[in-house]
């Protein structure tokens, strides 16, 4: 039985993109999403989760299973929803 990847999108959506949009600047920028994956996933599985749900990984903290994923501000809500509902 596959492990459930609750990608606890610790929607500490590092408000970079959201603040840009709120400040009236160009909303076509990017935002960063902090994604926490479940333990036990292989590197290939981690890559697959990020590829499937959207965004580009820009950094990670492997010991904490955290991944910083950059997404287009316009797609932020949709991408966040996909991560939160990912069953793997």
Protein backbone atom coordinates (compact mmCIF):
# COMPACT_ATOMS: atom_id res chain seq x y z
CA UNK A 1 0.00 0.00 0.00
CA UNK A 2 1.55 3.32 -1.02
CA UNK A 3 2.44 5.74 1.73
CA UNK A 4 0.24 8.74 1.97
CA UNK A 5 2.25 11.77 1.08
CA UNK A 6 0.52 14.34 2.97
CA UNK A 7 2.40 17.03 1.68
CA UNK A 8 1.70 19.27 4.53
CA UNK A 9 2.01 22.34 2.49
CA UNK A 10 2.96 24.31 5.43
CA UNK A 11 1.22 27.13 3.88
CA UNK A 12 3.70 29.40 5.20
CA UNK A 13 3.43 30.37 1.63
CA UNK A 14 6.40 32.44 2.28
CA UNK A 15 4.39 35.41 1.38
CA UNK A 16 6.81 36.69 -1.20
CA UNK A 17 4.42 36.52 -4.12
CA UNK A 18 1.37 37.35 -2.06
CA UNK A 19 2.98 40.48 -0.68
CA UNK A 20 3.99 41.53 -4.15
CA UNK A 21 0.42 41.13 -5.41
CA UNK A 22 -1.01 42.92 -2.37
CA UNK A 23 1.34 45.84 -2.77
CA UNK A 24 0.02 46.55 -6.26
CA UNK A 25 3.16 45.45 -8.03
CA UNK A 26 3.21 43.11 -11.00
CA UNK A 27 1.31 39.96 -9.92
CA UNK A 28 3.04 37.86 -12.58
CA UNK A 29 5.88 37.08 -10.14
CA UNK A 30 6.48 34.00 -8.08
CA UNK A 31 5.74 32.84 -4.55
CA UNK A 32 7.48 30.24 -2.45
CA UNK A 33 5.63 27.37 -0.82
CA UNK A 34 7.12 25.33 2.01
CA UNK A 35 6.24 21.66 1.48
CA UNK A 36 6.78 18.97 4.13
CA UNK A 37 6.77 15.42 2.81
CA UNK A 38 6.06 12.25 4.78
CA UNK A 39 9.02 10.16 5.93
CA UNK A 40 10.29 7.25 3.85
CA UNK A 41 9.96 8.65 0.34
CA UNK A 42 12.78 7.98 -2.09
CA UNK A 43 14.37 10.91 -3.91
CA UNK A 44 12.52 9.82 -7.06
CA UNK A 45 9.20 9.86 -5.19
CA UNK A 46 9.91 13.30 -3.76
CA UNK A 47 10.72 14.61 -7.22
CA UNK A 48 7.55 13.02 -8.60
CA UNK A 49 5.37 14.72 -5.96
CA UNK A 50 6.82 18.14 -6.76
CA UNK A 51 6.62 17.60 -10.51
CA UNK A 52 3.04 16.34 -10.32
CA UNK A 53 1.74 19.15 -8.12
CA UNK A 54 3.53 22.07 -9.70
CA UNK A 55 6.33 24.46 -9.07
CA UNK A 56 10.09 24.22 -9.11
CA UNK A 57 12.09 23.12 -6.09
CA UNK A 58 14.60 25.81 -5.22
CA UNK A 59 15.86 24.54 -1.88
CA UNK A 60 15.37 21.80 0.70
CA UNK A 61 16.20 20.80 4.24
CA UNK A 62 16.41 16.99 3.99
CA UNK A 63 16.65 16.34 7.74
CA UNK A 64 13.27 18.05 8.19
CA UNK A 65 11.76 16.73 4.92
CA UNK A 66 11.09 20.33 3.86
CA UNK A 67 11.17 21.56 0.29
CA UNK A 68 10.94 25.15 -0.86
CA UNK A 69 8.95 25.20 -4.09
CA UNK A 70 8.61 28.28 -6.25
CA UNK A 71 5.29 28.75 -8.07
CA UNK A 72 3.77 31.44 -10.23
CA UNK A 73 1.72 33.82 -8.10
CA UNK A 74 -1.26 33.38 -10.43
CA UNK A 75 -1.21 29.61 -9.75
CA UNK A 76 -0.54 29.78 -6.02
CA UNK A 77 -3.98 28.75 -4.77
CA UNK A 78 -4.38 25.92 -7.30
CA UNK A 79 -0.90 24.53 -6.60
CA UNK A 80 -1.40 24.76 -2.83
CA UNK A 81 -4.69 22.86 -3.15
CA UNK A 82 -3.02 20.14 -5.23
CA UNK A 83 -0.27 19.66 -2.65
CA UNK A 84 -2.74 19.55 0.23
CA UNK A 85 -4.88 16.89 -1.44
CA UNK A 86 -2.05 14.73 -2.83
CA UNK A 87 -2.65 11.08 -1.82
CA UNK A 88 0.58 9.95 -3.54
